[in-house]
Structure formats: structure tokens, C-alpha cells
Amino acid sequence: MAREKLTTRPFVREEKDELSLYFKLTSIQSRMSIADPEQLILEYTQTMMGFLLFQPKPKRIAMIGLGGGSLAKYCRRKLPECKLTVIEISEEIIALRSKFGIPEESENFQVVCANGANFVRQQDGVLDALLVDGFDSDGQPPELCSVEFYNDCFTALCSGGVLVVNLCFNDHRHTRSVGRIKDAFQGKALTVEAEDGANIIAFAGKGGCFPPSLDDLAKRLQILEPNHPIRLDETAQKILGHTPARRRKRWWWEGK
């Protein structure tokens, strides 16, 4: 068997009417439909958008990791009134933005070339949602999964804000990261698996009721689903799996 060709430089491949971003041949960082550039193709990106079930009306979102811009483009289109800042440390990744149809800068949309951990450290209770999807050719950088970083994430969020972190299931460090997130957020954290099983998405909330009551979850789902065809019902069901049985109700399939 030939050895896998590794690279520290991102590269793009076109396959079956899709454009994919790689760091190495066996690891897709982002995938885009050429016919529908704003569609979320990879399951983990759809699961990450489940943060709307916790914070359905965000006014300010920060996102660490641009990649092919799947989440950024989706949020820009579906949440046009929200101020979105994307932090990407790699100039080479940012240089590929035109290939993936990432929008130009505007009042409500910015891509900033900076260290994500440093950016978060400079925020103070101003973010409604913080999405962390930062990887390089070696996986998740240590500065994006440290105790200090998750403490800074807590500080950066406003009351009712939500942290979303994409973790790789095959990375043995993901369990440690989940523990650090729970510590930083006083236990108000949970994880769900993406449908493909390769990613674990951690959600954590600052203040308020976390996770939301089942009634609130059902109401939010009804409002969100028509505008967000991204399997929010499946994400909500996984969230229910972290809710004590005595709190569950038989609303799920009734009246839908």
C-alpha cells in the first residue's frame, strides 16, 4: 500500500460536482456543492447549527475556523441580521475564499486573520454564540482545547450564550476536552454525535436554563424547522438523550 501523501498546506479538489478542502487526502476539512454553495453537506456542520435550539435569536456570533466557509455562508444567509465574525489563523485558507464563494466583507460579516484563542481572550460577555471548528493538519491545536481557552470562552459569552465545539471522535483527547468544557461551564454542557459518527459536538450554556425545558425545545423546533432544513429534529432528539427520563414528555411525535 502506498503511503498517504501528507501536507501542511491546504488544497482543493473537485469531485462529483462538489468542491472539497483537504489538509491530507484522507481527511476532508470542508465540502461544498457547486450547484448550491450555501448547503450544509457534512453532517457535523448541521449538528453544530443545533446551537439555535439553545439560542434561537443570536445577535452576535463568532466562529473560529473558516475552512471552506460552510458554516459561515449558512449563517450569513439564514441569519442576515446577526453580526458574524470568523477568525482564521491561516492566510492560505483565507486566500481560498473566492473558490468557495465566501461573501465579501460587510457591516455584519467579517473574516479576520488572527489567532482564535487570542480573539476569544479579548471578548467580554458580548457573544451570543461561539462556534469552535479550528483544525490544522495535526488536528485540533492545543491552544483551542486548553483549560484557559474554555474559561475564556465562558467569559466571552453573554448570559444565555452558547458554546459549540467540534471534536474528533478518533482523537483520544476529546474526552479531556469535554471534561474541561464542563468544568468551565459549571456542568452546563452536553455532547451529541454527528450522524457520520466521526465527530462529537459539545454544547455548553452560560446562565439560564441549560438544556432548555422540553416545552421550550419543542416550540423552538417548530419555529426554526421551516427555515432551517438541517435535521434540527434529529439534533433535538439527541439532546433529549441527555435529559433525565422523569423530565421527558410525549410531545415529540405528537402534533408534528
C-alpha atoms as a PDB file:
ATOM      1  CA  MET A   1       0.000   0.000   0.000  1.00  0.00           C
ATOM      2  CA  ALA A   2       1.352   3.396  -0.931  1.00  0.00           C
ATOM      3  CA  ARG A   3       1.947   5.789   1.916  1.00  0.00           C
ATOM      4  CA  GLU A   4      -0.558   8.562   2.261  1.00  0.00           C
ATOM      5  CA  LYS A   5       0.770  11.855   0.999  1.00  0.00           C
ATOM      6  CA  LEU A   6       0.719  14.376   3.817  1.00  0.00           C
ATOM      7  CA  THR A   7       0.789  18.133   3.520  1.00  0.00           C
ATOM      8  CA  THR A   8       0.609  21.080   5.854  1.00  0.00           C
ATOM      9  CA  ARG A   9      -0.763  23.240   3.057  1.00  0.00           C
ATOM     10  CA  PRO A  10      -4.490  23.186   2.287  1.00  0.00           C
ATOM     11  CA  PHE A  11      -5.552  22.061  -1.167  1.00  0.00           C
ATOM     12  CA  VAL A  12      -8.815  21.864  -3.068  1.00  0.00           C
ATOM     13  CA  ARG A  13     -10.238  19.011  -5.161  1.00  0.00           C
ATOM     14  CA  GLU A  14     -13.322  18.945  -7.374  1.00  0.00           C
ATOM     15  CA  GLU A  15     -15.206  15.652  -7.223  1.00  0.00           C
ATOM     16  CA  LYS A  16     -18.713  14.781  -8.460  1.00  0.00           C
ATOM     17  CA  ASP A  17     -19.960  18.369  -8.662  1.00  0.00           C
ATOM     18  CA  GLU A  18     -18.535  19.112  -5.227  1.00  0.00           C
ATOM     19  CA  LEU A  19     -15.545  21.118  -4.056  1.00  0.00           C
ATOM     20  CA  SER A  20     -13.595  19.766  -1.074  1.00  0.00           C
ATOM     21  CA  LEU A  21     -10.877  21.259   1.122  1.00  0.00           C
ATOM     22  CA  TYR A  22      -8.148  18.960   2.444  1.00  0.00           C
ATOM     23  CA  PHE A  23      -5.049  19.069   4.598  1.00  0.00           C
ATOM     24  CA  LYS A  24      -4.356  15.431   3.752  1.00  0.00           C
ATOM     25  CA  LEU A  25      -6.012  13.039   1.338  1.00  0.00           C
ATOM     26  CA  THR A  26      -7.962  11.031   3.926  1.00  0.00           C
ATOM     27  CA  SER A  27      -9.259  13.988   5.904  1.00  0.00           C
ATOM     28  CA  ILE A  28     -11.865  16.341   4.418  1.00  0.00           C
ATOM     29  CA  GLN A  29     -11.976  19.723   6.142  1.00  0.00           C
ATOM     30  CA  SER A  30     -14.898  21.125   4.189  1.00  0.00           C
ATOM     31  CA  ARG A  31     -17.170  20.152   1.303  1.00  0.00           C
ATOM     32  CA  MET A  32     -19.323  22.356  -0.916  1.00  0.00           C
ATOM     33  CA  SER A  33     -21.978  21.642  -3.523  1.00  0.00           C
ATOM     34  CA  ILE A  34     -21.051  23.654  -6.600  1.00  0.00           C
ATOM     35  CA  ALA A  35     -24.750  23.932  -7.513  1.00  0.00           C
ATOM     36  CA  ASP A  36     -25.782  25.037  -4.001  1.00  0.00           C
ATOM     37  CA  PRO A  37     -22.753  26.605  -2.263  1.00  0.00           C
ATOM     38  CA  GLU A  38     -24.641  27.513   0.928  1.00  0.00           C
ATOM     39  CA  GLN A  39     -25.933  23.991   1.587  1.00  0.00           C
ATOM     40  CA  LEU A  40     -24.509  22.210   4.634  1.00  0.00           C
ATOM     41  CA  ILE A  41     -23.326  18.859   3.276  1.00  0.00           C
ATOM     42  CA  LEU A  42     -21.220  17.405   6.093  1.00  0.00           C
ATOM     43  CA  GLU A  43     -23.372  16.104   8.943  1.00  0.00           C
ATOM     44  CA  TYR A  44     -21.270  17.624  11.690  1.00  0.00           C
ATOM     45  CA  THR A  45     -21.922  21.137  10.355  1.00  0.00           C
ATOM     46  CA  GLN A  46     -25.666  20.523  10.530  1.00  0.00           C
ATOM     47  CA  THR A  47     -25.301  19.276  14.095  1.00  0.00           C
ATOM     48  CA  MET A  48     -23.272  22.336  15.075  1.00  0.00           C
ATOM     49  CA  MET A  49     -26.117  24.556  13.858  1.00  0.00           C
ATOM     50  CA  GLY A  50     -28.149  22.917  16.604  1.00  0.00           C
ATOM     51  CA  PHE A  51     -26.941  25.803  18.756  1.00  0.00           C
ATOM     52  CA  LEU A  52     -30.094  27.566  17.512  1.00  0.00           C
ATOM     53  CA  LEU A  53     -32.114  25.249  19.754  1.00  0.00           C
ATOM     54  CA  PHE A  54     -30.337  26.870  22.711  1.00  0.00           C
ATOM     55  CA  GLN A  55     -30.014  30.414  21.332  1.00  0.00           C
ATOM     56  CA  PRO A  56     -32.612  30.871  18.548  1.00  0.00           C
ATOM     57  CA  LYS A  57     -32.107  34.633  18.076  1.00  0.00           C
ATOM     58  CA  PRO A  58     -28.372  35.373  18.218  1.00  0.00           C
ATOM     59  CA  LYS A  59     -27.298  38.959  17.636  1.00  0.00           C
ATOM     60  CA  ARG A  60     -23.554  38.354  17.572  1.00  0.00           C
ATOM     61  CA  ILE A  61     -21.728  35.165  16.599  1.00  0.00           C
ATOM     62  CA  ALA A  62     -18.009  34.445  16.500  1.00  0.00           C
ATOM     63  CA  MET A  63     -16.654  31.430  14.653  1.00  0.00           C
ATOM     64  CA  ILE A  64     -13.128  30.031  14.962  1.00  0.00           C
ATOM     65  CA  GLY A  65     -12.010  28.253  11.807  1.00  0.00           C
ATOM     66  CA  LEU A  66     -13.071  29.264   8.304  1.00  0.00           C
ATOM     67  CA  GLY A  67     -12.256  26.182   6.257  1.00  0.00           C
ATOM     68  CA  GLY A  68     -14.382  26.204   3.125  1.00  0.00           C
ATOM     69  CA  GLY A  69     -16.819  28.547   4.829  1.00  0.00           C
ATOM     70  CA  SER A  70     -19.793  26.180   5.038  1.00  0.00           C
ATOM     71  CA  LEU A  71     -20.993  27.367   8.448  1.00  0.00           C
ATOM     72  CA  ALA A  72     -20.093  30.983   7.716  1.00  0.00           C
ATOM     73  CA  LYS A  73     -22.065  31.050   4.463  1.00  0.00           C
ATOM     74  CA  TYR A  74     -25.039  29.327   6.038  1.00  0.00           C
ATOM     75  CA  CYS A  75     -25.177  31.739   8.971  1.00  0.00           C
ATOM     76  CA  ARG A  76     -24.708  34.723   6.678  1.00  0.00           C
ATOM     77  CA  ARG A  77     -27.700  33.635   4.568  1.00  0.00           C
ATOM     78  CA  LYS A  78     -30.043  32.369   7.260  1.00  0.00           C
ATOM     79  CA  LEU A  79     -29.197  34.923   9.971  1.00  0.00           C
ATOM     80  CA  PRO A  80     -28.664  38.110   7.933  1.00  0.00           C
ATOM     81  CA  GLU A  81     -29.339  40.482  10.846  1.00  0.00           C
ATOM     82  CA  CYS A  82     -26.720  38.811  13.027  1.00  0.00           C
ATOM     83  CA  LYS A  83     -23.195  40.209  13.259  1.00  0.00           C
ATOM     84  CA  LEU A  84     -20.830  37.375  12.325  1.00  0.00           C
ATOM     85  CA  THR A  85     -17.060  37.382  12.798  1.00  0.00           C
ATOM     86  CA  VAL A  86     -14.976  34.463  11.516  1.00  0.00           C
ATOM     87  CA  ILE A  87     -11.458  34.062  12.898  1.00  0.00           C
ATOM     88  CA  GLU A  88      -8.968  32.103  10.788  1.00  0.00           C
ATOM     89  CA  ILE A  89      -5.261  31.890  11.563  1.00  0.00           C
ATOM     90  CA  SER A  90      -4.171  30.634   8.128  1.00  0.00           C
ATOM     91  CA  GLU A  91      -3.687  33.187   5.368  1.00  0.00           C
ATOM     92  CA  GLU A  92      -3.621  30.277   2.904  1.00  0.00           C
ATOM     93  CA  ILE A  93      -7.132  29.224   3.930  1.00  0.00           C
ATOM     94  CA  ILE A  94      -8.430  32.776   3.624  1.00  0.00           C
ATOM     95  CA  ALA A  95      -6.843  33.041   0.173  1.00  0.00           C
ATOM     96  CA  LEU A  96      -9.173  30.248  -0.996  1.00  0.00           C
ATOM     97  CA  ARG A  97     -12.363  32.128  -0.017  1.00  0.00           C
ATOM     98  CA  SER A  98     -13.282  33.038  -3.605  1.00  0.00           C
ATOM     99  CA  LYS A  99     -13.146  29.364  -4.664  1.00  0.00           C
ATOM    100  CA  PHE A 100     -15.766  28.552  -2.043  1.00  0.00           C
ATOM    101  CA  GLY A 101     -17.936  31.586  -2.680  1.00  0.00           C
ATOM    102  CA  ILE A 102     -17.400  33.105   0.755  1.00  0.00           C
ATOM    103  CA  PRO A 103     -19.078  36.544   0.843  1.00  0.00           C
ATOM    104  CA  GLU A 104     -17.149  39.792   0.827  1.00  0.00           C
ATOM    105  CA  GLU A 105     -16.753  41.862   3.982  1.00  0.00           C
ATOM    106  CA  SER A 106     -19.774  43.844   5.120  1.00  0.00           C
ATOM    107  CA  GLU A 107     -21.121  45.527   8.227  1.00  0.00           C
ATOM    108  CA  ASN A 108     -22.437  42.212   9.540  1.00  0.00           C
ATOM    109  CA  PHE A 109     -19.808  39.822   8.136  1.00  0.00           C
ATOM    110  CA  GLN A 110     -16.063  39.814   8.685  1.00  0.00           C
ATOM    111  CA  VAL A 111     -13.257  37.302   8.203  1.00  0.00           C
ATOM    112  CA  VAL A 112     -10.303  38.139  10.455  1.00  0.00           C
ATOM    113  CA  CYS A 113      -6.841  36.616  10.130  1.00  0.00           C
ATOM    114  CA  ALA A 114      -5.907  36.096  13.768  1.00  0.00           C
ATOM    115  CA  ASN A 115      -5.262  33.541  16.491  1.00  0.00           C
ATOM    116  CA  GLY A 116      -8.651  32.287  17.690  1.00  0.00           C
ATOM    117  CA  ALA A 117      -7.578  31.864  21.297  1.00  0.00           C
ATOM    118  CA  ASN A 118      -6.292  35.435  21.415  1.00  0.00           C
ATOM    119  CA  PHE A 119      -9.518  36.748  19.880  1.00  0.00           C
ATOM    120  CA  VAL A 120     -11.687  34.968  22.449  1.00  0.00           C
ATOM    121  CA  ARG A 121      -9.496  36.254  25.279  1.00  0.00           C
ATOM    122  CA  GLN A 122     -10.295  39.823  24.201  1.00  0.00           C
ATOM    123  CA  GLN A 123     -14.081  39.365  24.339  1.00  0.00           C
ATOM    124  CA  ASP A 124     -16.044  40.059  27.496  1.00  0.00           C
ATOM    125  CA  GLY A 125     -19.665  38.969  27.683  1.00  0.00           C
ATOM    126  CA  VAL A 126     -20.556  40.113  24.175  1.00  0.00           C
ATOM    127  CA  LEU A 127     -21.170  36.908  22.183  1.00  0.00           C
ATOM    128  CA  ASP A 128     -24.493  35.099  21.881  1.00  0.00           C
ATOM    129  CA  ALA A 129     -22.815  32.110  20.245  1.00  0.00           C
ATOM    130  CA  LEU A 130     -19.226  30.951  19.817  1.00  0.00           C
ATOM    131  CA  LEU A 131     -18.541  28.155  17.332  1.00  0.00           C
ATOM    132  CA  VAL A 132     -15.149  26.448  17.536  1.00  0.00           C
ATOM    133  CA  ASP A 133     -14.186  24.403  14.489  1.00  0.00           C
ATOM    134  CA  GLY A 134     -10.457  25.047  14.296  1.00  0.00           C
ATOM    135  CA  PHE A 135      -8.204  22.294  12.959  1.00  0.00           C
ATOM    136  CA  ASP A 136      -4.872  22.059  11.185  1.00  0.00           C
ATOM    137  CA  SER A 137      -3.036  19.119   9.628  1.00  0.00           C
ATOM    138  CA  ASP A 138      -2.269  17.742  13.109  1.00  0.00           C
ATOM    139  CA  GLY A 139      -5.816  18.028  14.433  1.00  0.00           C
ATOM    140  CA  GLN A 140      -7.123  20.496  16.982  1.00  0.00           C
ATOM    141  CA  PRO A 141      -4.397  22.935  18.116  1.00  0.00           C
ATOM    142  CA  PRO A 142      -3.609  22.737  21.866  1.00  0.00           C
ATOM    143  CA  GLU A 143      -4.455  26.416  22.402  1.00  0.00           C
ATOM    144  CA  LEU A 144      -8.048  25.723  21.272  1.00  0.00           C
ATOM    145  CA  CYS A 145      -8.690  22.988  23.821  1.00  0.00           C
ATOM    146  CA  SER A 146      -6.853  24.185  26.938  1.00  0.00           C
ATOM    147  CA  VAL A 147      -8.366  24.897  30.337  1.00  0.00           C
ATOM    148  CA  GLU A 148      -7.611  28.594  29.842  1.00  0.00           C
ATOM    149  CA  PHE A 149      -9.275  28.669  26.438  1.00  0.00           C
ATOM    150  CA  TYR A 150     -12.563  27.182  27.653  1.00  0.00           C
ATOM    151  CA  ASN A 151     -12.562  29.542  30.640  1.00  0.00           C
ATOM    152  CA  ASP A 152     -12.110  32.421  28.198  1.00  0.00           C
ATOM    153  CA  CYS A 153     -14.996  31.063  26.112  1.00  0.00           C
ATOM    154  CA  PHE A 154     -17.237  31.264  29.173  1.00  0.00           C
ATOM    155  CA  THR A 155     -16.175  34.868  29.796  1.00  0.00           C
ATOM    156  CA  ALA A 156     -16.693  35.840  26.137  1.00  0.00           C
ATOM    157  CA  LEU A 157     -20.352  34.771  26.129  1.00  0.00           C
ATOM    158  CA  CYS A 158     -23.219  36.897  27.344  1.00  0.00           C
ATOM    159  CA  SER A 159     -25.845  35.482  29.690  1.00  0.00           C
ATOM    160  CA  GLY A 160     -27.770  32.864  27.745  1.00  0.00           C
ATOM    161  CA  GLY A 161     -24.913  32.465  25.283  1.00  0.00           C
ATOM    162  CA  VAL A 162     -23.883  29.073  23.934  1.00  0.00           C
ATOM    163  CA  LEU A 163     -20.525  27.494  23.074  1.00  0.00           C
ATOM    164  CA  VAL A 164     -20.341  24.901  20.284  1.00  0.00           C
ATOM    165  CA  VAL A 165     -17.183  22.835  19.787  1.00  0.00           C
ATOM    166  CA  ASN A 166     -16.471  20.313  17.045  1.00  0.00           C
ATOM    167  CA  LEU A 167     -14.397  17.436  18.421  1.00  0.00           C
ATOM    168  CA  CYS A 168     -12.960  14.485  16.525  1.00  0.00           C
ATOM    169  CA  PHE A 169     -14.180  11.135  17.857  1.00  0.00           C
ATOM    170  CA  ASN A 170     -10.925   9.403  16.862  1.00  0.00           C
ATOM    171  CA  ASP A 171      -8.830  11.903  18.809  1.00  0.00           C
ATOM    172  CA  HIS A 172      -8.241  10.399  22.265  1.00  0.00           C
ATOM    173  CA  ARG A 173      -8.070  13.933  23.678  1.00  0.00           C
ATOM    174  CA  HIS A 174     -11.753  14.632  23.031  1.00  0.00           C
ATOM    175  CA  THR A 175     -12.781  13.161  26.395  1.00  0.00           C
ATOM    176  CA  ARG A 176     -10.402  15.514  28.183  1.00  0.00           C
ATOM    177  CA  SER A 177     -11.767  18.452  26.196  1.00  0.00           C
ATOM    178  CA  VAL A 178     -15.336  17.590  27.162  1.00  0.00           C
ATOM    179  CA  GLY A 179     -14.328  17.486  30.816  1.00  0.00           C
ATOM    180  CA  ARG A 180     -12.681  20.886  30.561  1.00  0.00           C
ATOM    181  CA  ILE A 181     -15.761  22.366  28.892  1.00  0.00           C
ATOM    182  CA  LYS A 182     -17.990  21.020  31.658  1.00  0.00           C
ATOM    183  CA  ASP A 183     -15.690  22.457  34.306  1.00  0.00           C
ATOM    184  CA  ALA A 184     -15.598  25.878  32.643  1.00  0.00           C
ATOM    185  CA  PHE A 185     -19.395  25.987  32.327  1.00  0.00           C
ATOM    186  CA  GLN A 186     -20.226  24.618  35.792  1.00  0.00           C
ATOM    187  CA  GLY A 187     -21.585  21.388  34.358  1.00  0.00           C
ATOM    188  CA  LYS A 188     -23.935  23.059  31.873  1.00  0.00           C
ATOM    189  CA  ALA A 189     -22.649  21.099  28.905  1.00  0.00           C
ATOM    190  CA  LEU A 190     -23.607  18.069  26.830  1.00  0.00           C
ATOM    191  CA  THR A 191     -22.367  16.240  23.751  1.00  0.00           C
ATOM    192  CA  VAL A 192     -24.060  14.674  20.747  1.00  0.00           C
ATOM    193  CA  GLU A 193     -22.619  12.598  17.930  1.00  0.00           C
ATOM    194  CA  ALA A 194     -22.869  13.712  14.330  1.00  0.00           C
ATOM    195  CA  GLU A 195     -24.666  11.244  12.073  1.00  0.00           C
ATOM    196  CA  ASP A 196     -21.465  10.074  10.419  1.00  0.00           C
ATOM    197  CA  GLY A 197     -20.050   9.102  13.820  1.00  0.00           C
ATOM    198  CA  ALA A 198     -16.681  10.759  13.172  1.00  0.00           C
ATOM    199  CA  ASN A 199     -17.427  13.940  15.107  1.00  0.00           C
ATOM    200  CA  ILE A 200     -18.704  14.754  18.564  1.00  0.00           C
ATOM    201  CA  ILE A 201     -20.302  18.148  19.058  1.00  0.00           C
ATOM    202  CA  ALA A 202     -20.161  19.719  22.504  1.00  0.00           C
ATOM    203  CA  PHE A 203     -22.722  22.341  23.523  1.00  0.00           C
ATOM    204  CA  ALA A 204     -22.344  24.456  26.663  1.00  0.00           C
ATOM    205  CA  GLY A 205     -24.500  27.261  28.019  1.00  0.00           C
ATOM    206  CA  LYS A 206     -23.817  30.276  30.191  1.00  0.00           C
ATOM    207  CA  GLY A 207     -26.569  31.081  32.663  1.00  0.00           C
ATOM    208  CA  GLY A 208     -30.267  30.456  32.199  1.00  0.00           C
ATOM    209  CA  CYS A 209     -31.813  27.030  31.755  1.00  0.00           C
ATOM    210  CA  PHE A 210     -29.446  24.599  30.068  1.00  0.00           C
ATOM    211  CA  PRO A 211     -30.503  22.492  28.364  1.00  0.00           C
ATOM    212  CA  PRO A 212     -33.840  24.266  27.732  1.00  0.00           C
ATOM    213  CA  SER A 213     -37.045  22.744  29.022  1.00  0.00           C
ATOM    214  CA  LEU A 214     -38.695  20.213  26.747  1.00  0.00           C
ATOM    215  CA  ASP A 215     -41.578  22.575  26.083  1.00  0.00           C
ATOM    216  CA  ASP A 216     -39.167  25.335  25.035  1.00  0.00           C
ATOM    217  CA  LEU A 217     -37.219  22.908  22.869  1.00  0.00           C
ATOM    218  CA  ALA A 218     -40.389  21.797  21.081  1.00  0.00           C
ATOM    219  CA  LYS A 219     -41.568  25.366  20.495  1.00  0.00           C
ATOM    220  CA  ARG A 220     -38.184  26.449  19.150  1.00  0.00           C
ATOM    221  CA  LEU A 221     -38.036  23.457  16.850  1.00  0.00           C
ATOM    222  CA  GLN A 222     -41.435  24.291  15.351  1.00  0.00           C
ATOM    223  CA  ILE A 223     -40.336  27.854  14.642  1.00  0.00           C
ATOM    224  CA  LEU A 224     -36.865  27.006  13.335  1.00  0.00           C
ATOM    225  CA  GLU A 225     -37.511  23.969  11.132  1.00  0.00           C
ATOM    226  CA  PRO A 226     -39.265  25.729   8.211  1.00  0.00           C
ATOM    227  CA  ASN A 227     -36.243  27.978   7.640  1.00  0.00           C
ATOM    228  CA  HIS A 228     -33.503  25.512   8.584  1.00  0.00           C
ATOM    229  CA  PRO A 229     -33.618  22.182   6.668  1.00  0.00           C
ATOM    230  CA  ILE A 230     -30.663  20.786   8.612  1.00  0.00           C
ATOM    231  CA  ARG A 231     -32.068  17.896  10.687  1.00  0.00           C
ATOM    232  CA  LEU A 232     -32.711  20.007  13.770  1.00  0.00           C
ATOM    233  CA  ASP A 233     -35.285  17.425  14.861  1.00  0.00           C
ATOM    234  CA  GLU A 234     -32.580  14.739  14.979  1.00  0.00           C
ATOM    235  CA  THR A 235     -30.257  17.012  16.948  1.00  0.00           C
ATOM    236  CA  ALA A 236     -33.080  17.791  19.375  1.00  0.00           C
ATOM    237  CA  GLN A 237     -33.734  14.085  19.886  1.00  0.00           C
ATOM    238  CA  LYS A 238     -30.065  13.564  20.734  1.00  0.00           C
ATOM    239  CA  ILE A 239     -30.268  16.408  23.220  1.00  0.00           C
ATOM    240  CA  LEU A 240     -33.215  14.606  24.789  1.00  0.00           C
ATOM    241  CA  GLY A 241     -30.930  11.656  25.352  1.00  0.00           C
ATOM    242  CA  HIS A 242     -29.114  13.809  27.921  1.00  0.00           C
ATOM    243  CA  THR A 243     -32.338  14.755  29.720  1.00  0.00           C
ATOM    244  CA  PRO A 244     -33.426  12.728  32.792  1.00  0.00           C
ATOM    245  CA  ALA A 245     -36.279  10.371  31.893  1.00  0.00           C
ATOM    246  CA  ARG A 246     -38.606  11.862  34.516  1.00  0.00           C
ATOM    247  CA  ARG A 247     -38.482  15.206  32.693  1.00  0.00           C
ATOM    248  CA  ARG A 248     -39.418  13.814  29.283  1.00  0.00           C
ATOM    249  CA  LYS A 249     -42.870  14.192  27.779  1.00  0.00           C
ATOM    250  CA  ARG A 250     -44.662  12.534  24.897  1.00  0.00           C
ATOM    251  CA  TRP A 251     -44.710  15.655  22.734  1.00  0.00           C
ATOM    252  CA  TRP A 252     -42.090  14.534  20.271  1.00  0.00           C
ATOM    253  CA  TRP A 253     -44.106  12.880  17.548  1.00  0.00           C
ATOM    254  CA  GLU A 254     -47.467  14.338  18.555  1.00  0.00           C
ATOM    255  CA  GLY A 255     -48.831  17.301  16.656  1.00  0.00           C
ATOM    256  CA  LYS A 256     -45.924  17.489  14.200  1.00  0.00           C
END
